[in-house]
PDB file of N, CA and C in Angstrom:
ATOM      1  N   MET A   1       0.841  -1.185   0.000  1.00  0.00           N
ATOM      2  CA  MET A   1       0.000   0.000   0.000  1.00  0.00           C
ATOM      3  C   MET A   1       0.880   1.240   0.000  1.00  0.00           C
ATOM      4  N   PRO A   2       0.648   2.148  -0.937  1.00  0.00           N
ATOM      5  CA  PRO A   2       1.490   3.329  -1.010  1.00  0.00           C
ATOM      6  C   PRO A   2       1.299   4.230   0.208  1.00  0.00           C
ATOM      7  N   ASN A   3       2.344   4.905   0.584  1.00  0.00           N
ATOM      8  CA  ASN A   3       2.306   5.859   1.673  1.00  0.00           C
ATOM      9  C   ASN A   3       1.399   7.015   1.265  1.00  0.00           C
ATOM     10  N   SER A   4       0.441   7.376   2.129  1.00  0.00           N
ATOM     11  CA  SER A   4      -0.516   8.421   1.762  1.00  0.00           C
ATOM     12  C   SER A   4       0.159   9.779   1.606  1.00  0.00           C
ATOM     13  N   ASP A   5       1.241  10.037   2.349  1.00  0.00           N
ATOM     14  CA  ASP A   5       1.969  11.294   2.178  1.00  0.00           C
ATOM     15  C   ASP A   5       2.631  11.355   0.801  1.00  0.00           C
ATOM     16  N   ASP A   6       3.212  10.223   0.371  1.00  0.00           N
ATOM     17  CA  ASP A   6       3.839  10.162  -0.954  1.00  0.00           C
ATOM     18  C   ASP A   6       2.791  10.341  -2.045  1.00  0.00           C
ATOM     19  N   ARG A   7       1.657   9.684  -1.865  1.00  0.00           N
ATOM     20  CA  ARG A   7       0.567   9.770  -2.845  1.00  0.00           C
ATOM     21  C   ARG A   7       0.082  11.211  -2.963  1.00  0.00           C
ATOM     22  N   GLU A   8      -0.143  11.834  -1.836  1.00  0.00           N
ATOM     23  CA  GLU A   8      -0.602  13.231  -1.804  1.00  0.00           C
ATOM     24  C   GLU A   8       0.404  14.145  -2.505  1.00  0.00           C
ATOM     25  N   GLN A   9       1.679  13.903  -2.280  1.00  0.00           N
ATOM     26  CA  GLN A   9       2.721  14.718  -2.909  1.00  0.00           C
ATOM     27  C   GLN A   9       2.729  14.529  -4.424  1.00  0.00           C
ATOM     28  N   ARG A  10       2.570  13.280  -4.889  1.00  0.00           N
ATOM     29  CA  ARG A  10       2.524  13.030  -6.339  1.00  0.00           C
ATOM     30  C   ARG A  10       1.323  13.738  -6.966  1.00  0.00           C
ATOM     31  N   ILE A  11       0.188  13.680  -6.287  1.00  0.00           N
ATOM     32  CA  ILE A  11      -1.009  14.354  -6.801  1.00  0.00           C
ATOM     33  C   ILE A  11      -0.770  15.865  -6.852  1.00  0.00           C
ATOM     34  N   ARG A  12      -0.226  16.415  -5.789  1.00  0.00           N
ATOM     35  CA  ARG A  12       0.046  17.854  -5.725  1.00  0.00           C
ATOM     36  C   ARG A  12       0.978  18.286  -6.855  1.00  0.00           C
ATOM     37  N   GLU A  13       2.049  17.540  -7.053  1.00  0.00           N
ATOM     38  CA  GLU A  13       3.016  17.894  -8.097  1.00  0.00           C
ATOM     39  C   GLU A  13       2.402  17.765  -9.489  1.00  0.00           C
ATOM     40  N   ARG A  14       1.616  16.723  -9.697  1.00  0.00           N
ATOM     41  CA  ARG A  14       0.986  16.530 -11.010  1.00  0.00           C
ATOM     42  C   ARG A  14      -0.052  17.619 -11.273  1.00  0.00           C
ATOM     43  N   ALA A  15      -0.850  17.963 -10.249  1.00  0.00           N
ATOM     44  CA  ALA A  15      -1.851  19.021 -10.411  1.00  0.00           C
ATOM     45  C   ALA A  15      -1.176  20.340 -10.760  1.00  0.00           C
ATOM     46  N   TYR A  16      -0.073  20.624 -10.118  1.00  0.00           N
ATOM     47  CA  TYR A  16       0.661  21.857 -10.400  1.00  0.00           C
ATOM     48  C   TYR A  16       1.199  21.857 -11.832  1.00  0.00           C
ATOM     49  N   ALA A  17       1.738  20.719 -12.258  1.00  0.00           N
ATOM     50  CA  ALA A  17       2.261  20.620 -13.619  1.00  0.00           C
ATOM     51  C   ALA A  17       1.138  20.803 -14.645  1.00  0.00           C
ATOM     52  N   LEU A  18      -0.007  20.184 -14.394  1.00  0.00           N
ATOM     53  CA  LEU A  18      -1.149  20.338 -15.304  1.00  0.00           C
ATOM     54  C   LEU A  18      -1.602  21.796 -15.360  1.00  0.00           C
ATOM     55  N   TRP A  19      -1.648  22.436 -14.209  1.00  0.00           N
ATOM     56  CA  TRP A  19      -2.045  23.842 -14.116  1.00  0.00           C
ATOM     57  C   TRP A  19      -1.082  24.725 -14.910  1.00  0.00           C
ATOM     58  N   GLN A  20       0.217  24.475 -14.761  1.00  0.00           N
ATOM     59  CA  GLN A  20       1.217  25.249 -15.506  1.00  0.00           C
ATOM     60  C   GLN A  20       1.074  25.024 -17.011  1.00  0.00           C
ATOM     61  N   GLN A  21       0.883  23.763 -17.423  1.00  0.00           N
ATOM     62  CA  GLN A  21       0.746  23.441 -18.848  1.00  0.00           C
ATOM     63  C   GLN A  21      -0.470  24.130 -19.459  1.00  0.00           C
ATOM     64  N   ALA A  22      -1.486  24.371 -18.647  1.00  0.00           N
ATOM     65  CA  ALA A  22      -2.709  25.012 -19.129  1.00  0.00           C
ATOM     66  C   ALA A  22      -2.594  26.543 -19.114  1.00  0.00           C
ATOM     67  N   GLY A  23      -1.439  27.049 -18.743  1.00  0.00           N
ATOM     68  CA  GLY A  23      -1.248  28.497 -18.736  1.00  0.00           C
ATOM     69  C   GLY A  23      -1.554  29.147 -17.398  1.00  0.00           C
ATOM     70  N   SER A  24      -1.583  28.373 -16.341  1.00  0.00           N
ATOM     71  CA  SER A  24      -1.802  28.856 -14.976  1.00  0.00           C
ATOM     72  C   SER A  24      -3.104  29.647 -14.815  1.00  0.00           C
ATOM     73  N   PRO A  25      -4.228  29.085 -15.258  1.00  0.00           N
ATOM     74  CA  PRO A  25      -5.491  29.817 -15.164  1.00  0.00           C
ATOM     75  C   PRO A  25      -5.961  29.967 -13.714  1.00  0.00           C
ATOM     76  N   GLU A  26      -6.461  31.133 -13.396  1.00  0.00           N
ATOM     77  CA  GLU A  26      -6.961  31.395 -12.042  1.00  0.00           C
ATOM     78  C   GLU A  26      -8.294  30.688 -11.814  1.00  0.00           C
ATOM     79  N   GLY A  27      -8.503  30.244 -10.583  1.00  0.00           N
ATOM     80  CA  GLY A  27      -9.785  29.707 -10.174  1.00  0.00           C
ATOM     81  C   GLY A  27     -10.107  28.308 -10.661  1.00  0.00           C
ATOM     82  N   GLN A  28      -9.129  27.588 -11.193  1.00  0.00           N
ATOM     83  CA  GLN A  28      -9.396  26.239 -11.704  1.00  0.00           C
ATOM     84  C   GLN A  28      -8.571  25.176 -10.996  1.00  0.00           C
ATOM     85  N   HIS A  29      -8.116  25.481  -9.802  1.00  0.00           N
ATOM     86  CA  HIS A  29      -7.243  24.535  -9.092  1.00  0.00           C
ATOM     87  C   HIS A  29      -7.924  23.198  -8.828  1.00  0.00           C
ATOM     88  N   GLU A  30      -9.221  23.222  -8.552  1.00  0.00           N
ATOM     89  CA  GLU A  30      -9.918  21.950  -8.287  1.00  0.00           C
ATOM     90  C   GLU A  30      -9.976  21.061  -9.521  1.00  0.00           C
ATOM     91  N   THR A  31     -10.110  21.659 -10.683  1.00  0.00           N
ATOM     92  CA  THR A  31     -10.134  20.886 -11.934  1.00  0.00           C
ATOM     93  C   THR A  31      -8.842  20.097 -12.093  1.00  0.00           C
ATOM     94  N   PHE A  32      -7.721  20.759 -11.868  1.00  0.00           N
ATOM     95  CA  PHE A  32      -6.424  20.103 -12.023  1.00  0.00           C
ATOM     96  C   PHE A  32      -6.164  19.113 -10.895  1.00  0.00           C
ATOM     97  N   TRP A  33      -6.649  19.418  -9.708  1.00  0.00           N
ATOM     98  CA  TRP A  33      -6.506  18.487  -8.577  1.00  0.00           C
ATOM     99  C   TRP A  33      -7.247  17.181  -8.874  1.00  0.00           C
ATOM    100  N   HIS A  34      -8.491  17.309  -9.356  1.00  0.00           N
ATOM    101  CA  HIS A  34      -9.281  16.109  -9.650  1.00  0.00           C
ATOM    102  C   HIS A  34      -8.676  15.307 -10.793  1.00  0.00           C
ATOM    103  N   GLN A  35      -8.138  15.997 -11.796  1.00  0.00           N
ATOM    104  CA  GLN A  35      -7.494  15.287 -12.905  1.00  0.00           C
ATOM    105  C   GLN A  35      -6.257  14.546 -12.409  1.00  0.00           C
ATOM    106  N   ALA A  36      -5.452  15.202 -11.603  1.00  0.00           N
ATOM    107  CA  ALA A  36      -4.242  14.565 -11.075  1.00  0.00           C
ATOM    108  C   ALA A  36      -4.598  13.383 -10.174  1.00  0.00           C
ATOM    109  N   LYS A  37      -5.645  13.526  -9.391  1.00  0.00           N
ATOM    110  CA  LYS A  37      -6.077  12.445  -8.502  1.00  0.00           C
ATOM    111  C   LYS A  37      -6.556  11.244  -9.319  1.00  0.00           C
ATOM    112  N   ALA A  38      -7.290  11.500 -10.408  1.00  0.00           N
ATOM    113  CA  ALA A  38      -7.751  10.415 -11.280  1.00  0.00           C
ATOM    114  C   ALA A  38      -6.570   9.714 -11.946  1.00  0.00           C
ATOM    115  N   GLU A  39      -5.574  10.490 -12.378  1.00  0.00           N
ATOM    116  CA  GLU A  39      -4.386   9.894 -12.986  1.00  0.00           C
ATOM    117  C   GLU A  39      -3.641   9.021 -11.977  1.00  0.00           C
ATOM    118  N   GLU A  40      -3.548   9.475 -10.748  1.00  0.00           N
ATOM    119  CA  GLU A  40      -2.864   8.696  -9.712  1.00  0.00           C
ATOM    120  C   GLU A  40      -3.615   7.405  -9.424  1.00  0.00           C
ATOM    121  N   ARG A  41      -4.930   7.492  -9.356  1.00  0.00           N
ATOM    122  CA  ARG A  41      -5.743   6.294  -9.125  1.00  0.00           C
ATOM    123  C   ARG A  41      -5.540   5.285 -10.263  1.00  0.00           C
ATOM    124  N   ALA A  42      -5.511   5.758 -11.513  1.00  0.00           N
ATOM    125  CA  ALA A  42      -5.285   4.872 -12.663  1.00  0.00           C
ATOM    126  C   ALA A  42      -3.888   4.253 -12.597  1.00  0.00           C
ATOM    127  N   ARG A  43      -2.905   5.048 -12.196  1.00  0.00           N
ATOM    128  CA  ARG A  43      -1.531   4.537 -12.066  1.00  0.00           C
ATOM    129  C   ARG A  43      -1.476   3.440 -11.004  1.00  0.00           C
ATOM    130  N   GLU A  44      -2.165   3.668  -9.883  1.00  0.00           N
ATOM    131  CA  GLU A  44      -2.184   2.671  -8.815  1.00  0.00           C
ATOM    132  C   GLU A  44      -2.866   1.379  -9.275  1.00  0.00           C
ATOM    133  N   GLU A  45      -3.937   1.511 -10.055  1.00  0.00           N
ATOM    134  CA  GLU A  45      -4.631   0.324 -10.563  1.00  0.00           C
ATOM    135  C   GLU A  45      -3.747  -0.456 -11.524  1.00  0.00           C
ATOM    136  N   ARG A  46      -3.026   0.255 -12.400  1.00  0.00           N
ATOM    137  CA  ARG A  46      -2.110  -0.430 -13.323  1.00  0.00           C
ATOM    138  C   ARG A  46      -1.017  -1.149 -12.554  1.00  0.00           C
ATOM    139  N   THR A  47      -0.482  -0.492 -11.550  1.00  0.00           N
ATOM    140  CA  THR A  47       0.570  -1.095 -10.723  1.00  0.00           C
ATOM    141  C   THR A  47       0.028  -2.307  -9.987  1.00  0.00           C
ATOM    142  N   SER A  48      -1.164  -2.193  -9.445  1.00  0.00           N
ATOM    143  CA  SER A  48      -1.791  -3.296  -8.713  1.00  0.00           C
ATOM    144  C   SER A  48      -2.045  -4.477  -9.648  1.00  0.00           C
ATOM    145  N   ASP A  49      -2.555  -4.203 -10.847  1.00  0.00           N
ATOM    146  CA  ASP A  49      -2.815  -5.268 -11.818  1.00  0.00           C
ATOM    147  C   ASP A  49      -1.525  -5.973 -12.220  1.00  0.00           C
ATOM    148  N   ALA A  50      -0.457  -5.234 -12.372  1.00  0.00           N
ATOM    149  CA  ALA A  50       0.822  -5.813 -12.780  1.00  0.00           C
ATOM    150  C   ALA A  50       1.434  -6.648 -11.661  1.00  0.00           C
ATOM    151  N   ASP A  51       1.116  -6.328 -10.429  1.00  0.00           N
ATOM    152  CA  ASP A  51       1.708  -7.022  -9.287  1.00  0.00           C
ATOM    153  C   ASP A  51       0.958  -8.267  -8.858  1.00  0.00           C
ATOM    154  N   ASP A  52      -0.221  -8.541  -9.433  1.00  0.00           N
ATOM    155  CA  ASP A  52      -1.009  -9.668  -8.923  1.00  0.00           C
ATOM    156  C   ASP A  52      -0.553 -11.021  -9.461  1.00  0.00           C
ATOM    157  N   GLY A  53       0.394 -11.039 -10.394  1.00  0.00           N
ATOM    158  CA  GLY A  53       0.956 -12.293 -10.878  1.00  0.00           C
ATOM    159  C   GLY A  53       0.115 -13.015 -11.905  1.00  0.00           C
ATOM    160  N   SER A  54      -1.031 -12.488 -12.240  1.00  0.00           N
ATOM    161  CA  SER A  54      -1.881 -13.148 -13.224  1.00  0.00           C
ATOM    162  C   SER A  54      -1.666 -12.543 -14.603  1.00  0.00           C
ATOM    163  N   PHE A  55      -2.147 -13.247 -15.604  1.00  0.00           N
ATOM    164  CA  PHE A  55      -2.049 -12.786 -16.972  1.00  0.00           C
ATOM    165  C   PHE A  55      -3.443 -12.433 -17.466  1.00  0.00           C
ATOM    166  N   PRO A  56      -3.544 -11.471 -18.372  1.00  0.00           N
ATOM    167  CA  PRO A  56      -4.863 -11.195 -18.951  1.00  0.00           C
ATOM    168  C   PRO A  56      -5.409 -12.428 -19.653  1.00  0.00           C
ATOM    169  N   ALA A  57      -6.703 -12.550 -19.717  1.00  0.00           N
ATOM    170  CA  ALA A  57      -7.345 -13.718 -20.318  1.00  0.00           C
ATOM    171  C   ALA A  57      -6.932 -13.910 -21.770  1.00  0.00           C
ATOM    172  N   SER A  58      -6.550 -12.848 -22.444  1.00  0.00           N
ATOM    173  CA  SER A  58      -6.194 -12.958 -23.853  1.00  0.00           C
ATOM    174  C   SER A  58      -4.783 -13.510 -24.064  1.00  0.00           C
ATOM    175  N   ASP A  59      -3.965 -13.530 -23.017  1.00  0.00           N
ATOM    176  CA  ASP A  59      -2.607 -14.048 -23.158  1.00  0.00           C
ATOM    177  C   ASP A  59      -2.621 -15.574 -23.052  1.00  0.00           C
ATOM    178  N   PRO A  60      -2.007 -16.282 -24.034  1.00  0.00           N
ATOM    179  CA  PRO A  60      -1.953 -17.737 -23.949  1.00  0.00           C
ATOM    180  C   PRO A  60      -0.965 -18.176 -22.867  1.00  0.00           C
ATOM    181  N   HIS A  61      -1.179 -19.344 -22.338  1.00  0.00           N
ATOM    182  CA  HIS A  61      -0.234 -19.908 -21.388  1.00  0.00           C
ATOM    183  C   HIS A  61       1.061 -20.214 -22.124  1.00  0.00           C
ATOM    184  N   SER A  62       2.163 -20.191 -21.405  1.00  0.00           N
ATOM    185  CA  SER A  62       3.449 -20.403 -22.049  1.00  0.00           C
ATOM    186  C   SER A  62       3.640 -21.850 -22.496  1.00  0.00           C
ATOM    187  N   ASN A  63       2.957 -22.803 -21.909  1.00  0.00           N
ATOM    188  CA  ASN A  63       3.081 -24.205 -22.298  1.00  0.00           C
ATOM    189  C   ASN A  63       1.699 -24.710 -22.699  1.00  0.00           C
ATOM    190  N   THR A  64       1.433 -24.729 -24.001  1.00  0.00           N
ATOM    191  CA  THR A  64       0.119 -25.141 -24.476  1.00  0.00           C
ATOM    192  C   THR A  64       0.067 -26.633 -24.775  1.00  0.00           C
ATOM    193  N   GLY A  65       1.203 -27.294 -24.820  1.00  0.00           N
ATOM    194  CA  GLY A  65       1.232 -28.699 -25.146  1.00  0.00           C
ATOM    195  C   GLY A  65       1.297 -28.947 -26.654  1.00  0.00           C
ATOM    196  N   ILE A  66       1.205 -27.920 -27.443  1.00  0.00           N
ATOM    197  CA  ILE A  66       1.279 -28.042 -28.896  1.00  0.00           C
ATOM    198  C   ILE A  66       2.757 -28.071 -29.306  1.00  0.00           C
ATOM    199  N   THR A  67       3.144 -29.100 -30.030  1.00  0.00           N
ATOM    200  CA  THR A  67       4.557 -29.228 -30.404  1.00  0.00           C
ATOM    201  C   THR A  67       4.800 -28.953 -31.870  1.00  0.00           C
ATOM    202  N   GLY A  68       3.784 -28.768 -32.650  1.00  0.00           N
ATOM    203  CA  GLY A  68       3.974 -28.460 -34.059  1.00  0.00           C
ATOM    204  C   GLY A  68       3.625 -29.640 -34.952  1.00  0.00           C
ATOM    205  N   PRO A  69       3.683 -29.476 -36.262  1.00  0.00           N
ATOM    206  CA  PRO A  69       3.294 -30.532 -37.197  1.00  0.00           C
ATOM    207  C   PRO A  69       4.255 -31.724 -37.152  1.00  0.00           C
ATOM    208  N   GLY A  70       3.664 -32.902 -37.222  1.00  0.00           N
ATOM    209  CA  GLY A  70       4.459 -34.128 -37.332  1.00  0.00           C
ATOM    210  C   GLY A  70       5.124 -34.554 -36.032  1.00  0.00           C
ATOM    211  N   ARG A  71       4.730 -34.033 -34.930  1.00  0.00           N
ATOM    212  CA  ARG A  71       5.392 -34.424 -33.661  1.00  0.00           C
ATOM    213  C   ARG A  71       4.461 -35.087 -32.734  1.00  0.00           C
TER     214      ARG A  71
END
């Protein structure tokens, strides 16, 4: 589980970067905060999915038992 202080800092830094990229508009800090928070949540989900040790259903198993023609 990620440290909540680290998570908060990543969100803060990302929101600030998004705000700067948009030209630093006044009064829209919540928009960038919510976008950064959503990006962090998606990043955490990708990390969690990658760490569970399973493969997507579309990936074949590495040993299918098929040896090729004539074998």
